[in-house]
Amino acid sequence: MVRRLAIAMLCLPAASVTWSSDLDKEVIFHIGPRPLESALLEFSREADVQVAMASASIRNVQVAGVEGKYPIGTALVILLRGSGLSYAVVGSTLTVTDNAIALGNSGGSLVPAPKL
C-alpha cells in the first residue's frame, strides 16, 4: 500500500522546470511505443527535466510515444495521450498524476497541464 502511494522520482538532472517558459523549450524527442514508466525515463533524459509519478498511476500503462521536435509541455501531453493521466508542475518537477492522488501537501504549487 505504501508503495502505491509513494511518489517515485524518475530522474534528477541538473536542469529544472520552474517557469512555464521552460515548458516552451523545443526539444527533439525519439520515444517509441513502450510502457509509460520507460517512456517517462526517456522523456526525462531527452528533455533534461525532473519527472515524478505515483507508481500506482502508471502500472501497466502503454503509450504510443512521441517523435519529433516539440515544446517540452506539448511533448508530455502527446506522450500521455490516451493514458487517462496528466501532469502538473510541482516546484521544479513535472509530476505525472491521475488527478485522484492528492499532491497538495507536496510543498509546491500545481499548474494544470495544457490540453491539445
PDB file of N, CA and C in Angstrom:
ATOM      1  N   MET A   1       0.818  -1.188   0.000  1.00  0.00           N
ATOM      2  CA  MET A   1       0.000   0.000   0.000  1.00  0.00           C
ATOM      3  C   MET A   1       0.871   1.267   0.000  1.00  0.00           C
ATOM      4  N   VAL A   2       1.916   1.260   0.843  1.00  0.00           N
ATOM      5  CA  VAL A   2       2.809   2.418   0.900  1.00  0.00           C
ATOM      6  C   VAL A   2       3.455   2.635  -0.459  1.00  0.00           C
ATOM      7  N   ARG A   3       3.836   1.556  -1.118  1.00  0.00           N
ATOM      8  CA  ARG A   3       4.475   1.657  -2.433  1.00  0.00           C
ATOM      9  C   ARG A   3       3.539   2.312  -3.439  1.00  0.00           C
ATOM     10  N   ARG A   4       2.268   2.011  -3.380  1.00  0.00           N
ATOM     11  CA  ARG A   4       1.303   2.572  -4.319  1.00  0.00           C
ATOM     12  C   ARG A   4       1.108   4.066  -4.125  1.00  0.00           C
ATOM     13  N   LEU A   5       1.266   4.541  -2.929  1.00  0.00           N
ATOM     14  CA  LEU A   5       1.032   5.950  -2.645  1.00  0.00           C
ATOM     15  C   LEU A   5       2.301   6.786  -2.716  1.00  0.00           C
ATOM     16  N   ALA A   6       3.420   6.138  -2.751  1.00  0.00           N
ATOM     17  CA  ALA A   6       4.696   6.869  -2.741  1.00  0.00           C
ATOM     18  C   ALA A   6       4.933   7.552  -4.077  1.00  0.00           C
ATOM     19  N   ILE A   7       5.493   8.720  -4.034  1.00  0.00           N
ATOM     20  CA  ILE A   7       5.914   9.412  -5.247  1.00  0.00           C
ATOM     21  C   ILE A   7       7.324   8.941  -5.555  1.00  0.00           C
ATOM     22  N   ALA A   8       7.497   8.405  -6.757  1.00  0.00           N
ATOM     23  CA  ALA A   8       8.805   7.888  -7.155  1.00  0.00           C
ATOM     24  C   ALA A   8       9.496   8.905  -8.052  1.00  0.00           C
ATOM     25  N   MET A   9      10.709   9.240  -7.730  1.00  0.00           N
ATOM     26  CA  MET A   9      11.482  10.152  -8.562  1.00  0.00           C
ATOM     27  C   MET A   9      12.137   9.346  -9.671  1.00  0.00           C
ATOM     28  N   LEU A  10      11.939   9.784 -10.909  1.00  0.00           N
ATOM     29  CA  LEU A  10      12.496   9.056 -12.044  1.00  0.00           C
ATOM     30  C   LEU A  10      13.914   9.480 -12.347  1.00  0.00           C
ATOM     31  N   CYS A  11      14.148  10.780 -12.418  1.00  0.00           N
ATOM     32  CA  CYS A  11      15.482  11.270 -12.742  1.00  0.00           C
ATOM     33  C   CYS A  11      15.707  12.583 -12.008  1.00  0.00           C
ATOM     34  N   LEU A  12      16.949  12.868 -11.730  1.00  0.00           N
ATOM     35  CA  LEU A  12      17.289  14.099 -11.036  1.00  0.00           C
ATOM     36  C   LEU A  12      18.357  14.867 -11.798  1.00  0.00           C
ATOM     37  N   PRO A  13      18.042  15.330 -13.012  1.00  0.00           N
ATOM     38  CA  PRO A  13      19.041  16.081 -13.763  1.00  0.00           C
ATOM     39  C   PRO A  13      19.286  17.450 -13.148  1.00  0.00           C
ATOM     40  N   ALA A  14      20.383  18.074 -13.556  1.00  0.00           N
ATOM     41  CA  ALA A  14      20.735  19.379 -13.015  1.00  0.00           C
ATOM     42  C   ALA A  14      19.726  20.451 -13.395  1.00  0.00           C
ATOM     43  N   ALA A  15      19.178  20.382 -14.597  1.00  0.00           N
ATOM     44  CA  ALA A  15      18.213  21.386 -15.038  1.00  0.00           C
ATOM     45  C   ALA A  15      16.882  21.148 -14.338  1.00  0.00           C
ATOM     46  N   SER A  16      16.104  22.197 -14.186  1.00  0.00           N
ATOM     47  CA  SER A  16      14.798  22.057 -13.578  1.00  0.00           C
ATOM     48  C   SER A  16      13.783  22.903 -14.325  1.00  0.00           C
ATOM     49  N   VAL A  17      12.549  22.448 -14.294  1.00  0.00           N
ATOM     50  CA  VAL A  17      11.466  23.201 -14.909  1.00  0.00           C
ATOM     51  C   VAL A  17      10.815  24.013 -13.800  1.00  0.00           C
ATOM     52  N   THR A  18      11.040  25.314 -13.812  1.00  0.00           N
ATOM     53  CA  THR A  18      10.498  26.147 -12.748  1.00  0.00           C
ATOM     54  C   THR A  18       9.532  27.195 -13.257  1.00  0.00           C
ATOM     55  N   TRP A  19       9.607  27.553 -14.521  1.00  0.00           N
ATOM     56  CA  TRP A  19       8.706  28.541 -15.090  1.00  0.00           C
ATOM     57  C   TRP A  19       8.039  27.952 -16.297  1.00  0.00           C
ATOM     58  N   SER A  20       6.826  28.454 -16.585  1.00  0.00           N
ATOM     59  CA  SER A  20       6.095  27.928 -17.735  1.00  0.00           C
ATOM     60  C   SER A  20       6.874  28.117 -19.025  1.00  0.00           C
ATOM     61  N   SER A  21       7.731  29.147 -19.094  1.00  0.00           N
ATOM     62  CA  SER A  21       8.524  29.349 -20.315  1.00  0.00           C
ATOM     63  C   SER A  21       9.476  28.180 -20.564  1.00  0.00           C
ATOM     64  N   ASP A  22       9.907  27.483 -19.506  1.00  0.00           N
ATOM     65  CA  ASP A  22      10.754  26.312 -19.682  1.00  0.00           C
ATOM     66  C   ASP A  22      10.003  25.208 -20.416  1.00  0.00           C
ATOM     67  N   LEU A  23       8.695  25.135 -20.233  1.00  0.00           N
ATOM     68  CA  LEU A  23       7.882  24.133 -20.905  1.00  0.00           C
ATOM     69  C   LEU A  23       7.763  24.420 -22.392  1.00  0.00           C
ATOM     70  N   ASP A  24       8.093  25.640 -22.795  1.00  0.00           N
ATOM     71  CA  ASP A  24       8.038  26.035 -24.203  1.00  0.00           C
ATOM     72  C   ASP A  24       9.334  25.730 -24.945  1.00  0.00           C
ATOM     73  N   LYS A  25      10.364  25.322 -24.238  1.00  0.00           N
ATOM     74  CA  LYS A  25      11.644  24.997 -24.875  1.00  0.00           C
ATOM     75  C   LYS A  25      11.450  23.795 -25.808  1.00  0.00           C
ATOM     76  N   GLU A  26      11.874  23.951 -27.060  1.00  0.00           N
ATOM     77  CA  GLU A  26      11.710  22.873 -28.030  1.00  0.00           C
ATOM     78  C   GLU A  26      12.864  21.877 -27.934  1.00  0.00           C
ATOM     79  N   VAL A  27      12.481  20.604 -27.999  1.00  0.00           N
ATOM     80  CA  VAL A  27      13.431  19.505 -27.891  1.00  0.00           C
ATOM     81  C   VAL A  27      13.049  18.470 -28.948  1.00  0.00           C
ATOM     82  N   ILE A  28      14.024  17.784 -29.497  1.00  0.00           N
ATOM     83  CA  ILE A  28      13.753  16.695 -30.425  1.00  0.00           C
ATOM     84  C   ILE A  28      13.602  15.409 -29.613  1.00  0.00           C
ATOM     85  N   PHE A  29      12.444  14.779 -29.741  1.00  0.00           N
ATOM     86  CA  PHE A  29      12.133  13.551 -28.998  1.00  0.00           C
ATOM     87  C   PHE A  29      12.138  12.341 -29.920  1.00  0.00           C
ATOM     88  N   HIS A  30      12.677  11.240 -29.410  1.00  0.00           N
ATOM     89  CA  HIS A  30      12.686   9.953 -30.114  1.00  0.00           C
ATOM     90  C   HIS A  30      12.233   8.889 -29.108  1.00  0.00           C
ATOM     91  N   ILE A  31      10.952   8.884 -28.806  1.00  0.00           N
ATOM     92  CA  ILE A  31      10.408   7.943 -27.825  1.00  0.00           C
ATOM     93  C   ILE A  31       9.341   7.109 -28.527  1.00  0.00           C
ATOM     94  N   GLY A  32       9.650   5.860 -28.781  1.00  0.00           N
ATOM     95  CA  GLY A  32       8.718   4.970 -29.462  1.00  0.00           C
ATOM     96  C   GLY A  32       7.704   4.369 -28.504  1.00  0.00           C
ATOM     97  N   PRO A  33       6.778   3.578 -29.035  1.00  0.00           N
ATOM     98  CA  PRO A  33       5.775   2.907 -28.193  1.00  0.00           C
ATOM     99  C   PRO A  33       6.459   2.028 -27.154  1.00  0.00           C
ATOM    100  N   ARG A  34       5.964   2.110 -25.920  1.00  0.00           N
ATOM    101  CA  ARG A  34       6.564   1.347 -24.816  1.00  0.00           C
ATOM    102  C   ARG A  34       5.748   1.542 -23.553  1.00  0.00           C
ATOM    103  N   PRO A  35       6.107   0.841 -22.459  1.00  0.00           N
ATOM    104  CA  PRO A  35       5.454   1.083 -21.171  1.00  0.00           C
ATOM    105  C   PRO A  35       5.717   2.532 -20.722  1.00  0.00           C
ATOM    106  N   LEU A  36       4.739   3.127 -20.059  1.00  0.00           N
ATOM    107  CA  LEU A  36       4.848   4.532 -19.657  1.00  0.00           C
ATOM    108  C   LEU A  36       6.050   4.786 -18.764  1.00  0.00           C
ATOM    109  N   GLU A  37       6.352   3.900 -17.846  1.00  0.00           N
ATOM    110  CA  GLU A  37       7.492   4.123 -16.950  1.00  0.00           C
ATOM    111  C   GLU A  37       8.775   4.308 -17.750  1.00  0.00           C
ATOM    112  N   SER A  38       9.004   3.436 -18.717  1.00  0.00           N
ATOM    113  CA  SER A  38      10.177   3.534 -19.574  1.00  0.00           C
ATOM    114  C   SER A  38      10.135   4.804 -20.419  1.00  0.00           C
ATOM    115  N   ALA A  39       8.950   5.147 -20.925  1.00  0.00           N
ATOM    116  CA  ALA A  39       8.801   6.352 -21.743  1.00  0.00           C
ATOM    117  C   ALA A  39       9.100   7.609 -20.932  1.00  0.00           C
ATOM    118  N   LEU A  40       8.667   7.643 -19.674  1.00  0.00           N
ATOM    119  CA  LEU A  40       8.931   8.814 -18.834  1.00  0.00           C
ATOM    120  C   LEU A  40      10.419   8.938 -18.498  1.00  0.00           C
ATOM    121  N   LEU A  41      11.082   7.812 -18.308  1.00  0.00           N
ATOM    122  CA  LEU A  41      12.528   7.855 -18.076  1.00  0.00           C
ATOM    123  C   LEU A  41      13.241   8.460 -19.277  1.00  0.00           C
ATOM    124  N   GLU A  42      12.854   8.022 -20.466  1.00  0.00           N
ATOM    125  CA  GLU A  42      13.470   8.535 -21.684  1.00  0.00           C
ATOM    126  C   GLU A  42      13.105  10.009 -21.897  1.00  0.00           C
ATOM    127  N   PHE A  43      11.854  10.370 -21.623  1.00  0.00           N
ATOM    128  CA  PHE A  43      11.419  11.765 -21.738  1.00  0.00           C
ATOM    129  C   PHE A  43      12.259  12.648 -20.832  1.00  0.00           C
ATOM    130  N   SER A  44      12.449  12.225 -19.597  1.00  0.00           N
ATOM    131  CA  SER A  44      13.233  12.983 -18.627  1.00  0.00           C
ATOM    132  C   SER A  44      14.662  13.188 -19.129  1.00  0.00           C
ATOM    133  N   ARG A  45      15.234  12.133 -19.700  1.00  0.00           N
ATOM    134  CA  ARG A  45      16.598  12.207 -20.216  1.00  0.00           C
ATOM    135  C   ARG A  45      16.680  13.141 -21.422  1.00  0.00           C
ATOM    136  N   GLU A  46      15.785  12.973 -22.373  1.00  0.00           N
ATOM    137  CA  GLU A  46      15.842  13.764 -23.596  1.00  0.00           C
ATOM    138  C   GLU A  46      15.524  15.242 -23.353  1.00  0.00           C
ATOM    139  N   ALA A  47      14.571  15.522 -22.459  1.00  0.00           N
ATOM    140  CA  ALA A  47      14.182  16.907 -22.176  1.00  0.00           C
ATOM    141  C   ALA A  47      15.066  17.541 -21.113  1.00  0.00           C
ATOM    142  N   ASP A  48      15.862  16.733 -20.404  1.00  0.00           N
ATOM    143  CA  ASP A  48      16.724  17.193 -19.319  1.00  0.00           C
ATOM    144  C   ASP A  48      15.908  17.892 -18.236  1.00  0.00           C
ATOM    145  N   VAL A  49      14.831  17.195 -17.820  1.00  0.00           N
ATOM    146  CA  VAL A  49      13.965  17.706 -16.763  1.00  0.00           C
ATOM    147  C   VAL A  49      13.733  16.614 -15.724  1.00  0.00           C
ATOM    148  N   GLN A  50      13.318  17.039 -14.557  1.00  0.00           N
ATOM    149  CA  GLN A  50      12.992  16.125 -13.474  1.00  0.00           C
ATOM    150  C   GLN A  50      11.524  15.751 -13.595  1.00  0.00           C
ATOM    151  N   VAL A  51      11.232  14.449 -13.556  1.00  0.00           N
ATOM    152  CA  VAL A  51       9.864  13.953 -13.664  1.00  0.00           C
ATOM    153  C   VAL A  51       9.588  13.047 -12.477  1.00  0.00           C
ATOM    154  N   ALA A  52       8.388  13.165 -11.903  1.00  0.00           N
ATOM    155  CA  ALA A  52       7.963  12.290 -10.808  1.00  0.00           C
ATOM    156  C   ALA A  52       6.603  11.726 -11.161  1.00  0.00           C
ATOM    157  N   MET A  53       6.266  10.603 -10.567  1.00  0.00           N
ATOM    158  CA  MET A  53       4.965   9.997 -10.798  1.00  0.00           C
ATOM    159  C   MET A  53       4.594   9.146  -9.603  1.00  0.00           C
ATOM    160  N   ALA A  54       3.296   8.902  -9.480  1.00  0.00           N
ATOM    161  CA  ALA A  54       2.822   7.968  -8.467  1.00  0.00           C
ATOM    162  C   ALA A  54       2.879   6.586  -9.113  1.00  0.00           C
ATOM    163  N   SER A  55       3.630   5.686  -8.542  1.00  0.00           N
ATOM    164  CA  SER A  55       3.892   4.399  -9.189  1.00  0.00           C
ATOM    165  C   SER A  55       2.612   3.643  -9.530  1.00  0.00           C
ATOM    166  N   ALA A  56       1.584   3.750  -8.707  1.00  0.00           N
ATOM    167  CA  ALA A  56       0.330   3.046  -8.988  1.00  0.00           C
ATOM    168  C   ALA A  56      -0.369   3.615 -10.215  1.00  0.00           C
ATOM    169  N   SER A  57      -0.130   4.884 -10.503  1.00  0.00           N
ATOM    170  CA  SER A  57      -0.807   5.542 -11.623  1.00  0.00           C
ATOM    171  C   SER A  57      -0.354   5.041 -12.976  1.00  0.00           C
ATOM    172  N   ILE A  58       0.862   4.538 -13.080  1.00  0.00           N
ATOM    173  CA  ILE A  58       1.398   4.179 -14.390  1.00  0.00           C
ATOM    174  C   ILE A  58       1.570   2.685 -14.587  1.00  0.00           C
ATOM    175  N   ARG A  59       1.208   1.925 -13.598  1.00  0.00           N
ATOM    176  CA  ARG A  59       1.363   0.475 -13.693  1.00  0.00           C
ATOM    177  C   ARG A  59       0.558  -0.057 -14.875  1.00  0.00           C
ATOM    178  N   ASN A  60       1.192  -0.824 -15.728  1.00  0.00           N
ATOM    179  CA  ASN A  60       0.564  -1.469 -16.884  1.00  0.00           C
ATOM    180  C   ASN A  60       0.039  -0.499 -17.933  1.00  0.00           C
ATOM    181  N   VAL A  61       0.515   0.741 -17.940  1.00  0.00           N
ATOM    182  CA  VAL A  61       0.084   1.719 -18.949  1.00  0.00           C
ATOM    183  C   VAL A  61       1.077   1.693 -20.109  1.00  0.00           C
ATOM    184  N   GLN A  62       0.565   1.550 -21.313  1.00  0.00           N
ATOM    185  CA  GLN A  62       1.363   1.588 -22.535  1.00  0.00           C
ATOM    186  C   GLN A  62       1.075   2.906 -23.251  1.00  0.00           C
ATOM    187  N   VAL A  63       2.089   3.501 -23.855  1.00  0.00           N
ATOM    188  CA  VAL A  63       1.901   4.750 -24.599  1.00  0.00           C
ATOM    189  C   VAL A  63       2.449   4.603 -26.010  1.00  0.00           C
ATOM    190  N   ALA A  64       1.934   5.438 -26.909  1.00  0.00           N
ATOM    191  CA  ALA A  64       2.339   5.395 -28.317  1.00  0.00           C
ATOM    192  C   ALA A  64       3.686   6.058 -28.551  1.00  0.00           C
ATOM    193  N   GLY A  65       4.124   6.885 -27.607  1.00  0.00           N
ATOM    194  CA  GLY A  65       5.399   7.577 -27.742  1.00  0.00           C
ATOM    195  C   GLY A  65       5.232   8.961 -28.329  1.00  0.00           C
ATOM    196  N   VAL A  66       6.361   9.623 -28.580  1.00  0.00           N
ATOM    197  CA  VAL A  66       6.374  10.949 -29.198  1.00  0.00           C
ATOM    198  C   VAL A  66       7.662  11.046 -30.015  1.00  0.00           C
ATOM    199  N   GLU A  67       7.510  11.440 -31.264  1.00  0.00           N
ATOM    200  CA  GLU A  67       8.641  11.566 -32.185  1.00  0.00           C
ATOM    201  C   GLU A  67       8.605  12.948 -32.817  1.00  0.00           C
ATOM    202  N   GLY A  68       9.723  13.649 -32.805  1.00  0.00           N
ATOM    203  CA  GLY A  68       9.817  14.938 -33.470  1.00  0.00           C
ATOM    204  C   GLY A  68      10.191  16.055 -32.519  1.00  0.00           C
ATOM    205  N   LYS A  69      10.185  17.269 -33.066  1.00  0.00           N
ATOM    206  CA  LYS A  69      10.569  18.458 -32.292  1.00  0.00           C
ATOM    207  C   LYS A  69       9.319  19.124 -31.739  1.00  0.00           C
ATOM    208  N   TYR A  70       9.237  19.211 -30.413  1.00  0.00           N
ATOM    209  CA  TYR A  70       8.084  19.785 -29.723  1.00  0.00           C
ATOM    210  C   TYR A  70       8.543  20.563 -28.501  1.00  0.00           C
ATOM    211  N   PRO A  71       7.729  21.542 -28.063  1.00  0.00           N
ATOM    212  CA  PRO A  71       7.959  22.123 -26.744  1.00  0.00           C
ATOM    213  C   PRO A  71       7.802  21.022 -25.685  1.00  0.00           C
ATOM    214  N   ILE A  72       8.541  21.113 -24.603  1.00  0.00           N
ATOM    215  CA  ILE A  72       8.519  20.091 -23.560  1.00  0.00           C
ATOM    216  C   ILE A  72       7.097  19.797 -23.079  1.00  0.00           C
ATOM    217  N   GLY A  73       6.334  20.830 -22.782  1.00  0.00           N
ATOM    218  CA  GLY A  73       4.966  20.635 -22.285  1.00  0.00           C
ATOM    219  C   GLY A  73       4.086  19.919 -23.287  1.00  0.00           C
ATOM    220  N   THR A  74       4.187  20.297 -24.549  1.00  0.00           N
ATOM    221  CA  THR A  74       3.391  19.667 -25.603  1.00  0.00           C
ATOM    222  C   THR A  74       3.784  18.203 -25.770  1.00  0.00           C
ATOM    223  N   ALA A  75       5.077  17.917 -25.741  1.00  0.00           N
ATOM    224  CA  ALA A  75       5.548  16.536 -25.897  1.00  0.00           C
ATOM    225  C   ALA A  75       5.025  15.651 -24.772  1.00  0.00           C
ATOM    226  N   LEU A  76       4.973  16.180 -23.556  1.00  0.00           N
ATOM    227  CA  LEU A  76       4.469  15.373 -22.444  1.00  0.00           C
ATOM    228  C   LEU A  76       2.975  15.122 -22.597  1.00  0.00           C
ATOM    229  N   VAL A  77       2.233  16.108 -23.068  1.00  0.00           N
ATOM    230  CA  VAL A  77       0.800  15.911 -23.322  1.00  0.00           C
ATOM    231  C   VAL A  77       0.615  14.825 -24.386  1.00  0.00           C
ATOM    232  N   ILE A  78       1.403  14.882 -25.460  1.00  0.00           N
ATOM    233  CA  ILE A  78       1.327  13.861 -26.508  1.00  0.00           C
ATOM    234  C   ILE A  78       1.670  12.484 -25.937  1.00  0.00           C
ATOM    235  N   LEU A  79       2.719  12.408 -25.138  1.00  0.00           N
ATOM    236  CA  LEU A  79       3.152  11.148 -24.554  1.00  0.00           C
ATOM    237  C   LEU A  79       2.060  10.541 -23.676  1.00  0.00           C
ATOM    238  N   LEU A  80       1.341  11.380 -22.950  1.00  0.00           N
ATOM    239  CA  LEU A  80       0.324  10.900 -22.011  1.00  0.00           C
ATOM    240  C   LEU A  80      -1.046  10.683 -22.663  1.00  0.00           C
ATOM    241  N   ARG A  81      -1.185  11.077 -23.932  1.00  0.00           N
ATOM    242  CA  ARG A  81      -2.476  10.986 -24.627  1.00  0.00           C
ATOM    243  C   ARG A  81      -3.032   9.560 -24.544  1.00  0.00           C
ATOM    244  N   GLY A  82      -4.300   9.478 -24.144  1.00  0.00           N
ATOM    245  CA  GLY A  82      -4.982   8.191 -24.066  1.00  0.00           C
ATOM    246  C   GLY A  82      -4.709   7.401 -22.800  1.00  0.00           C
ATOM    247  N   SER A  83      -3.843   7.899 -21.944  1.00  0.00           N
ATOM    248  CA  SER A  83      -3.487   7.160 -20.724  1.00  0.00           C
ATOM    249  C   SER A  83      -4.415   7.477 -19.554  1.00  0.00           C
ATOM    250  N   GLY A  84      -5.185   8.557 -19.667  1.00  0.00           N
ATOM    251  CA  GLY A  84      -6.013   8.991 -18.541  1.00  0.00           C
ATOM    252  C   GLY A  84      -5.224   9.796 -17.524  1.00  0.00           C
ATOM    253  N   LEU A  85      -3.969  10.085 -17.833  1.00  0.00           N
ATOM    254  CA  LEU A  85      -3.099  10.821 -16.928  1.00  0.00           C
ATOM    255  C   LEU A  85      -2.829  12.209 -17.477  1.00  0.00           C
ATOM    256  N   SER A  86      -2.411  13.100 -16.598  1.00  0.00           N
ATOM    257  CA  SER A  86      -1.981  14.435 -17.000  1.00  0.00           C
ATOM    258  C   SER A  86      -0.760  14.777 -16.165  1.00  0.00           C
ATOM    259  N   TYR A  87      -0.291  16.011 -16.272  1.00  0.00           N
ATOM    260  CA  TYR A  87       0.839  16.401 -15.442  1.00  0.00           C
ATOM    261  C   TYR A  87       0.593  17.767 -14.839  1.00  0.00           C
ATOM    262  N   ALA A  88       1.351  18.055 -13.817  1.00  0.00           N
ATOM    263  CA  ALA A  88       1.327  19.351 -13.154  1.00  0.00           C
ATOM    264  C   ALA A  88       2.765  19.712 -12.825  1.00  0.00           C
ATOM    265  N   VAL A  89       3.027  21.001 -12.705  1.00  0.00           N
ATOM    266  CA  VAL A  89       4.331  21.466 -12.268  1.00  0.00           C
ATOM    267  C   VAL A  89       4.252  21.636 -10.758  1.00  0.00           C
ATOM    268  N   VAL A  90       5.082  20.899 -10.041  1.00  0.00           N
ATOM    269  CA  VAL A  90       5.137  20.983  -8.580  1.00  0.00           C
ATOM    270  C   VAL A  90       6.555  21.394  -8.230  1.00  0.00           C
ATOM    271  N   GLY A  91       6.709  22.661  -7.870  1.00  0.00           N
ATOM    272  CA  GLY A  91       8.053  23.176  -7.605  1.00  0.00           C
ATOM    273  C   GLY A  91       8.864  23.136  -8.884  1.00  0.00           C
ATOM    274  N   SER A  92       9.950  22.382  -8.884  1.00  0.00           N
ATOM    275  CA  SER A  92      10.800  22.278 -10.066  1.00  0.00           C
ATOM    276  C   SER A  92      10.666  20.918 -10.738  1.00  0.00           C
ATOM    277  N   THR A  93       9.548  20.240 -10.492  1.00  0.00           N
ATOM    278  CA  THR A  93       9.343  18.893 -11.002  1.00  0.00           C
ATOM    279  C   THR A  93       8.075  18.807 -11.836  1.00  0.00           C
ATOM    280  N   LEU A  94       8.133  18.094 -12.963  1.00  0.00           N
ATOM    281  CA  LEU A  94       6.932  17.736 -13.703  1.00  0.00           C
ATOM    282  C   LEU A  94       6.392  16.483 -13.027  1.00  0.00           C
ATOM    283  N   THR A  95       5.170  16.558 -12.518  1.00  0.00           N
ATOM    284  CA  THR A  95       4.587  15.449 -11.789  1.00  0.00           C
ATOM    285  C   THR A  95       3.435  14.862 -12.586  1.00  0.00           C
ATOM    286  N   VAL A  96       3.547  13.599 -12.946  1.00  0.00           N
ATOM    287  CA  VAL A  96       2.503  12.899 -13.675  1.00  0.00           C
ATOM    288  C   VAL A  96       1.508  12.370 -12.654  1.00  0.00           C
ATOM    289  N   THR A  97       0.216  12.629 -12.897  1.00  0.00           N
ATOM    290  CA  THR A  97      -0.812  12.279 -11.931  1.00  0.00           C
ATOM    291  C   THR A  97      -2.084  11.830 -12.627  1.00  0.00           C
ATOM    292  N   ASP A  98      -2.870  11.039 -11.907  1.00  0.00           N
ATOM    293  CA  ASP A  98      -4.177  10.649 -12.422  1.00  0.00           C
ATOM    294  C   ASP A  98      -5.269  11.527 -11.817  1.00  0.00           C
ATOM    295  N   ASN A  99      -4.878  12.589 -11.155  1.00  0.00           N
ATOM    296  CA  ASN A  99      -5.773  13.559 -10.518  1.00  0.00           C
ATOM    297  C   ASN A  99      -6.542  12.996  -9.335  1.00  0.00           C
ATOM    298  N   ALA A 100      -6.447  11.696  -9.065  1.00  0.00           N
ATOM    299  CA  ALA A 100      -7.094  11.120  -7.892  1.00  0.00           C
ATOM    300  C   ALA A 100      -6.144  11.098  -6.709  1.00  0.00           C
ATOM    301  N   ILE A 101      -4.872  11.382  -6.978  1.00  0.00           N
ATOM    302  CA  ILE A 101      -3.865  11.370  -5.918  1.00  0.00           C
ATOM    303  C   ILE A 101      -3.661  12.800  -5.427  1.00  0.00           C
ATOM    304  N   ALA A 102      -3.747  12.996  -4.159  1.00  0.00           N
ATOM    305  CA  ALA A 102      -3.592  14.333  -3.597  1.00  0.00           C
ATOM    306  C   ALA A 102      -2.131  14.739  -3.617  1.00  0.00           C
ATOM    307  N   LEU A 103      -1.840  15.839  -4.308  1.00  0.00           N
ATOM    308  CA  LEU A 103      -0.469  16.329  -4.368  1.00  0.00           C
ATOM    309  C   LEU A 103      -0.321  17.629  -3.578  1.00  0.00           C
ATOM    310  N   GLY A 104      -1.376  18.084  -2.962  1.00  0.00           N
ATOM    311  CA  GLY A 104      -1.387  19.382  -2.297  1.00  0.00           C
ATOM    312  C   GLY A 104      -0.384  19.521  -1.177  1.00  0.00           C
ATOM    313  N   ASN A 105      -0.015  18.448  -0.518  1.00  0.00           N
ATOM    314  CA  ASN A 105       0.925  18.552   0.593  1.00  0.00           C
ATOM    315  C   ASN A 105       2.357  18.313   0.139  1.00  0.00           C
ATOM    316  N   SER A 106       2.611  18.530  -1.146  1.00  0.00           N
ATOM    317  CA  SER A 106       3.966  18.336  -1.669  1.00  0.00           C
ATOM    318  C   SER A 106       4.834  19.551  -1.482  1.00  0.00           C
ATOM    319  N   GLY A 107       4.226  20.675  -1.095  1.00  0.00           N
ATOM    320  CA  GLY A 107       5.006  21.879  -0.896  1.00  0.00           C
ATOM    321  C   GLY A 107       5.109  22.728  -2.138  1.00  0.00           C
ATOM    322  N   GLY A 108       4.593  22.276  -3.239  1.00  0.00           N
ATOM    323  CA  GLY A 108       4.669  23.034  -4.492  1.00  0.00           C
ATOM    324  C   GLY A 108       3.296  23.526  -4.914  1.00  0.00           C
ATOM    325  N   SER A 109       3.287  24.309  -5.965  1.00  0.00           N
ATOM    326  CA  SER A 109       2.007  24.759  -6.487  1.00  0.00           C
ATOM    327  C   SER A 109       1.707  23.992  -7.764  1.00  0.00           C
ATOM    328  N   LEU A 110       0.452  23.595  -7.898  1.00  0.00           N
ATOM    329  CA  LEU A 110       0.040  22.816  -9.050  1.00  0.00           C
ATOM    330  C   LEU A 110      -0.362  23.727 -10.186  1.00  0.00           C
ATOM    331  N   VAL A 111       0.124  23.436 -11.360  1.00  0.00           N
ATOM    332  CA  VAL A 111      -0.235  24.153 -12.566  1.00  0.00           C
ATOM    333  C   VAL A 111      -0.781  23.120 -13.530  1.00  0.00           C
ATOM    334  N   PRO A 112      -2.067  23.203 -13.916  1.00  0.00           N
ATOM    335  CA  PRO A 112      -2.633  22.175 -14.787  1.00  0.00           C
ATOM    336  C   PRO A 112      -1.904  22.095 -16.118  1.00  0.00           C
ATOM    337  N   ALA A 113      -1.860  20.900 -16.663  1.00  0.00           N
ATOM    338  CA  ALA A 113      -1.239  20.675 -17.958  1.00  0.00           C
ATOM    339  C   ALA A 113      -2.085  21.278 -19.050  1.00  0.00           C
ATOM    340  N   PRO A 114      -1.456  21.785 -20.105  1.00  0.00           N
ATOM    341  CA  PRO A 114      -2.225  22.296 -21.233  1.00  0.00           C
ATOM    342  C   PRO A 114      -2.894  21.157 -21.974  1.00  0.00           C
ATOM    343  N   LYS A 115      -4.027  21.427 -22.598  1.00  0.00           N
ATOM    344  CA  LYS A 115      -4.741  20.442 -23.403  1.00  0.00           C
ATOM    345  C   LYS A 115      -4.440  20.683 -24.863  1.00  0.00           C
ATOM    346  N   LEU A 116      -4.293  19.625 -25.632  1.00  0.00           N
ATOM    347  CA  LEU A 116      -4.081  19.748 -27.076  1.00  0.00           C
ATOM    348  C   LEU A 116      -5.393  19.761 -27.790  1.00  0.00           C
TER     349      LEU A 116
END
